[in-house]
Protein backbone atom coordinates (compact mmCIF):
# COMPACT_ATOMS: atom_id res chain seq x y z
CA MET A 1 18.28 151.38 24.14
CA LYS A 2 21.48 150.46 23.80
CA ARG A 3 20.52 147.00 24.27
CA LEU A 4 18.72 146.63 21.00
CA VAL A 5 21.93 148.07 19.07
CA HIS A 6 23.93 145.08 21.23
CA ILE A 7 21.19 142.47 19.85
CA GLY A 8 21.52 144.09 16.21
CA ILE A 9 25.23 143.84 16.32
CA VAL A 10 25.77 140.66 17.41
CA THR A 11 22.73 139.43 15.40
CA SER A 12 23.96 140.74 12.26
CA LEU A 13 27.52 139.49 12.86
CA TRP A 14 26.52 136.21 13.44
CA GLY A 15 24.63 136.10 10.14
CA VAL A 16 27.39 137.60 8.04
CA TRP A 17 29.75 134.72 9.78
CA LEU A 18 27.51 132.26 8.18
CA LEU A 19 27.12 133.92 5.09
CA ASN A 20 31.06 134.12 4.57
CA PRO A 21 31.54 132.10 1.32
CA ASN A 22 35.59 131.53 2.38
CA TRP A 23 34.36 128.53 4.76
CA ALA A 24 31.10 126.57 5.71
CA THR A 25 30.71 127.18 9.28
CA PHE A 26 28.09 124.02 9.77
CA ALA A 27 30.67 121.75 8.12
CA SER A 28 33.19 122.83 10.87
CA SER A 29 31.77 121.16 13.77
CA PRO A 30 28.79 118.09 14.47
CA THR A 31 27.24 120.91 16.77
CA PHE A 32 25.93 122.14 13.84
CA GLN A 33 23.90 119.59 12.47
CA VAL A 34 20.71 119.59 14.27
CA MET A 35 20.61 123.33 12.34
CA GLN A 36 21.67 121.84 9.18
CA LYS A 37 18.48 119.49 9.68
CA ILE A 38 16.55 122.47 10.06
CA ALA A 39 17.50 124.71 7.35
CA PRO A 40 20.74 125.25 5.41
CA GLU A 41 23.54 127.34 6.25
CA TRP A 42 22.77 130.50 4.02
CA LEU A 43 19.53 130.83 5.24
CA TRP A 44 20.44 130.75 8.95
CA GLY A 45 22.78 133.48 7.74
CA SER A 46 20.20 135.49 6.03
CA GLY A 47 17.62 135.49 8.23
CA PHE A 48 19.98 136.51 11.48
CA LEU A 49 21.81 139.34 9.09
CA LEU A 50 18.20 140.60 8.32
CA LEU A 51 17.12 140.37 11.75
CA GLY A 52 19.95 142.16 12.87
CA LEU A 53 19.93 144.99 10.47
CA SER A 54 16.06 145.13 11.01
CA ALA A 55 17.00 146.01 14.95
CA LEU A 56 19.66 148.60 13.90
CA THR A 57 17.22 150.16 11.80
CA ALA A 58 14.20 150.37 14.02
CA GLN A 59 16.44 151.33 16.69
CA TRP A 60 17.71 154.46 14.76
CA GLN A 61 14.15 155.07 13.50
CA GLY A 62 12.64 154.79 16.56
CA TRP A 63 10.11 152.74 15.56
CA ARG A 64 8.69 151.17 18.83
CA ARG A 65 6.41 148.52 17.70
CA VAL A 66 9.46 146.98 15.25
CA GLU A 67 11.86 146.91 18.02
CA ILE A 68 9.30 144.97 20.11
CA GLY A 69 8.69 142.27 17.32
CA VAL A 70 12.25 142.09 16.56
CA THR A 71 13.35 141.57 20.15
CA LEU A 72 10.44 139.07 20.40
CA VAL A 73 11.82 136.89 17.25
CA ALA A 74 15.29 137.69 18.46
CA ALA A 75 14.57 135.87 21.61
CA PHE A 76 12.97 133.00 20.02
CA MET A 77 15.95 132.51 17.44
CA TRP A 78 18.56 132.56 19.95
CA GLY A 79 16.68 130.30 21.89
CA LEU A 80 16.19 128.08 18.88
CA VAL A 81 20.20 128.24 18.55
CA THR A 82 20.55 127.53 22.19
CA VAL A 83 18.49 124.40 22.08
CA THR A 84 20.00 122.93 19.01
CA PHE A 85 23.72 123.35 20.27
CA ALA A 86 22.28 121.76 23.62
CA VAL A 87 20.90 118.64 21.54
CA SER A 88 23.94 118.18 19.24
CA ASN A 89 26.42 119.25 21.68
CA ILE A 90 25.49 119.74 25.14
CA ALA A 91 29.13 120.28 26.34
CA ALA A 92 29.77 122.79 23.85
CA THR A 93 30.85 126.34 25.36
CA ALA A 94 28.25 127.80 22.83
CA THR A 95 25.13 126.51 24.82
CA PRO A 96 25.45 128.89 27.94
CA ILE A 97 26.71 131.96 25.66
CA TYR A 98 23.30 131.62 23.46
CA GLY A 99 21.45 130.81 26.55
CA ALA A 100 22.56 134.19 28.03
CA LEU A 101 21.67 136.02 24.31
CA THR A 102 18.48 134.47 24.85
CA LEU A 103 17.67 135.77 28.06
CA TYR A 104 19.17 139.58 26.96
CA ALA A 105 17.02 139.39 23.97
CA ALA A 106 13.83 138.17 26.10
CA ASP A 107 14.42 140.71 29.21
CA THR A 108 14.96 143.54 26.22
CA PHE A 109 11.58 142.29 24.37
CA SER A 110 9.84 142.72 28.20
CA ARG A 111 11.16 146.23 28.81
CA LEU A 112 10.78 147.20 25.64
CA PHE A 113 6.69 146.05 25.77
CA ASN A 114 6.29 147.61 29.34
CA GLN A 115 7.51 150.89 28.28
CA TYR A 116 5.33 150.96 25.26
CA ARG A 117 2.39 149.43 27.03
CA TRP A 118 2.67 152.16 30.19
CA SER A 119 3.08 155.04 27.39
CA HIS A 120 0.01 154.37 25.54
CA GLU A 121 -2.40 153.34 28.23
């Protein structure tokens, strides 16, 4: 499913961006204050990179149960990012973008879950 590849690429890239040693993303804007209170930047970056790579691996290996789990976790994590941005800076353009990613991941989860469920009944 191409949707899972999209989620995997975007999520991996976001993780790599946060892990880049050439800059401190969280220090670049007060919009990241809430995220910083939850966990350090390296942990967010590592988590998103691992999640994205897991999505890509599950897609390429055909691990349907892992695909379902990864998309559920991706929907939760992007939702968390959306909420933290909305709380810290509602006017930031990132809020609707991450909101759209949340809905995309949630819809992908729903589609994968229903495909799996109907193929195993």
